[in-house]
Amino acid sequence: MSSAPLASVLFVCVHNAGRSQMAAGFLRHLAGDRVEVRSAGSVPGDQVNPSAVEAMAELGIDIADQKPKVLTTEAVQASDYVITMGCGDACPIFPGKKYLDWALEDPAGKGVEAVRPIRDEIRTRIEALIAEIDAQQEA
């Protein structure tokens, strides 16, 4: 029997090609269907950053099939958590949403060696987010 997701999370960065895609990949992988996952960019790129794809593949998480998506008002309205990663003021604000801003280095133009520490920081934050979501369900 499947139940409704515990929460819906939207990750937003400028190009939706690196940080937000890695975060979405981790959340899908670690939370499964317990959390609904979206990602978008204020100015989406043409493709997901190959170094981000490679860094995630090293951990057994495949984000190669993902495509950058444009940020929409509807995506924000449909999400419980909106996590921004350097999108500035492009993200619309709605009451009742939990907004988090994760200051993370932009992996654009960097090799996989430089992307790994960013990936690992994202994983740490995703694990804390899952713990927060789970704790709210138990409260």
Protein backbone atom coordinates (compact mmCIF):
# COMPACT_ATOMS: atom_id res chain seq x y z
CA MET A 1 0.00 0.00 0.00
CA SER A 2 1.47 3.33 -0.99
CA SER A 3 0.70 6.45 0.95
CA ALA A 4 0.96 10.12 0.11
CA PRO A 5 4.45 11.64 0.36
CA LEU A 6 5.35 13.14 3.73
CA ALA A 7 6.47 16.37 2.07
CA SER A 8 7.20 17.98 -1.27
CA VAL A 9 10.59 19.61 -1.86
CA LEU A 10 11.63 21.96 -4.67
CA PHE A 11 15.34 22.63 -5.27
CA VAL A 12 16.12 25.81 -7.18
CA CYS A 13 19.39 27.09 -8.63
CA VAL A 14 20.13 29.29 -11.62
CA HIS A 15 20.76 26.69 -14.33
CA ASN A 16 19.16 23.59 -12.73
CA ALA A 17 22.22 21.76 -14.01
CA GLY A 18 24.38 21.03 -10.96
CA ARG A 19 23.53 21.73 -7.33
CA SER A 20 19.76 21.37 -7.59
CA GLN A 21 20.05 18.23 -9.73
CA MET A 22 22.48 16.61 -7.27
CA ALA A 23 20.20 17.54 -4.35
CA ALA A 24 17.15 16.10 -6.11
CA GLY A 25 19.08 12.94 -6.94
CA PHE A 26 20.16 12.45 -3.33
CA LEU A 27 16.66 13.09 -1.98
CA ARG A 28 15.07 10.64 -4.43
CA HIS A 29 17.74 8.05 -3.59
CA LEU A 30 17.69 8.45 0.21
CA ALA A 31 13.98 9.15 0.84
CA GLY A 32 12.43 7.09 -1.95
CA ASP A 33 8.75 7.80 -2.45
CA ARG A 34 8.38 9.26 1.06
CA VAL A 35 9.17 12.72 -0.33
CA GLU A 36 8.04 14.29 -3.61
CA VAL A 37 11.05 15.85 -5.35
CA ARG A 38 11.19 18.71 -7.87
CA SER A 39 14.03 20.82 -9.20
CA ALA A 40 14.10 23.89 -11.42
CA GLY A 41 16.22 26.83 -12.49
CA SER A 42 15.59 30.52 -12.91
CA VAL A 43 17.57 30.37 -16.20
CA PRO A 44 17.78 26.63 -17.01
CA GLY A 45 20.84 25.33 -18.82
CA ASP A 46 20.90 23.06 -21.85
CA GLN A 47 21.95 19.93 -19.96
CA VAL A 48 22.90 18.62 -16.54
CA ASN A 49 26.55 19.34 -15.71
CA PRO A 50 28.58 16.27 -16.82
CA SER A 51 30.84 16.59 -13.75
CA ALA A 52 27.77 16.51 -11.48
CA VAL A 53 26.50 13.42 -13.33
CA GLU A 54 29.90 11.73 -12.90
CA ALA A 55 30.23 12.69 -9.22
CA MET A 56 26.78 11.27 -8.44
CA ALA A 57 27.45 8.11 -10.48
CA GLU A 58 30.46 7.46 -8.24
CA LEU A 59 27.91 6.97 -5.42
CA GLY A 60 25.57 4.84 -7.51
CA ILE A 61 23.04 7.63 -8.17
CA ASP A 62 22.15 8.19 -11.82
CA ILE A 63 21.05 11.72 -12.74
CA ALA A 64 22.14 11.45 -16.39
CA ASP A 65 18.53 11.29 -17.63
CA GLN A 66 17.49 14.51 -15.89
CA LYS A 67 16.85 17.70 -17.87
CA PRO A 68 17.05 21.29 -16.59
CA LYS A 69 13.57 22.71 -16.06
CA VAL A 70 12.33 26.28 -15.81
CA LEU A 71 11.15 27.52 -12.42
CA THR A 72 7.39 28.01 -12.37
CA THR A 73 5.08 29.60 -9.85
CA GLU A 74 3.09 26.35 -9.86
CA ALA A 75 6.13 24.32 -8.78
CA VAL A 76 6.67 26.65 -5.82
CA GLN A 77 2.99 26.59 -4.85
CA ALA A 78 2.94 22.77 -4.96
CA SER A 79 5.97 22.40 -2.65
CA ASP A 80 6.23 22.36 1.15
CA TYR A 81 9.95 23.17 1.12
CA VAL A 82 11.66 25.50 -1.34
CA ILE A 83 15.44 25.21 -1.16
CA THR A 84 17.36 27.82 -3.11
CA MET A 85 21.00 27.54 -4.09
CA GLY A 86 22.06 30.90 -5.42
CA CYS A 87 19.01 31.84 -7.50
CA GLY A 88 18.82 35.27 -5.88
CA ASP A 89 15.47 37.00 -6.03
CA ALA A 90 14.12 34.90 -8.91
CA CYS A 91 12.20 32.56 -6.61
CA PRO A 92 8.60 33.59 -5.89
CA ILE A 93 7.63 33.70 -2.22
CA PHE A 94 4.36 32.23 -0.96
CA PRO A 95 3.10 32.13 2.63
CA GLY A 96 3.11 28.75 4.34
CA LYS A 97 6.18 27.39 2.57
CA LYS A 98 9.45 26.66 4.32
CA TYR A 99 12.27 28.46 2.52
CA LEU A 100 15.90 27.45 3.00
CA ASP A 101 18.86 29.02 1.25
CA TRP A 102 21.84 26.71 0.91
CA ALA A 103 25.01 28.66 0.15
CA LEU A 104 26.86 26.16 -2.02
CA GLU A 105 29.66 26.70 -4.50
CA ASP A 106 28.51 26.58 -8.12
CA PRO A 107 29.94 23.49 -9.87
CA ALA A 108 29.56 25.05 -13.35
CA GLY A 109 32.70 24.65 -15.42
CA LYS A 110 34.48 22.56 -12.77
CA GLY A 111 35.91 19.07 -13.09
CA VAL A 112 34.66 16.13 -11.05
CA GLU A 113 37.45 16.58 -8.47
CA ALA A 114 36.10 20.05 -7.63
CA VAL A 115 32.47 18.86 -7.71
CA ARG A 116 32.95 16.03 -5.16
CA PRO A 117 33.17 18.33 -2.08
CA ILE A 118 30.04 20.20 -3.26
CA ARG A 119 28.28 16.86 -3.75
CA ASP A 120 29.28 15.70 -0.29
CA GLU A 121 28.05 18.94 1.33
CA ILE A 122 24.72 18.53 -0.47
CA ARG A 123 24.42 14.95 0.80
CA THR A 124 24.98 16.10 4.39
CA ARG A 125 22.26 18.74 4.01
CA ILE A 126 19.85 16.26 2.38
CA GLU A 127 20.32 13.80 5.25
CA ALA A 128 19.51 16.59 7.75
CA LEU A 129 16.46 17.61 5.69
CA ILE A 130 15.14 14.03 5.66
CA ALA A 131 15.61 13.84 9.44
CA GLU A 132 13.67 17.11 9.83
CA ILE A 133 10.82 15.90 7.60
CA ASP A 134 10.66 12.58 9.47
CA ALA A 135 10.70 14.35 12.86
CA GLN A 136 7.76 16.55 11.84
CA GLN A 137 5.72 13.46 10.99
CA GLU A 138 6.40 11.99 14.41
CA ALA A 139 5.54 15.20 16.26
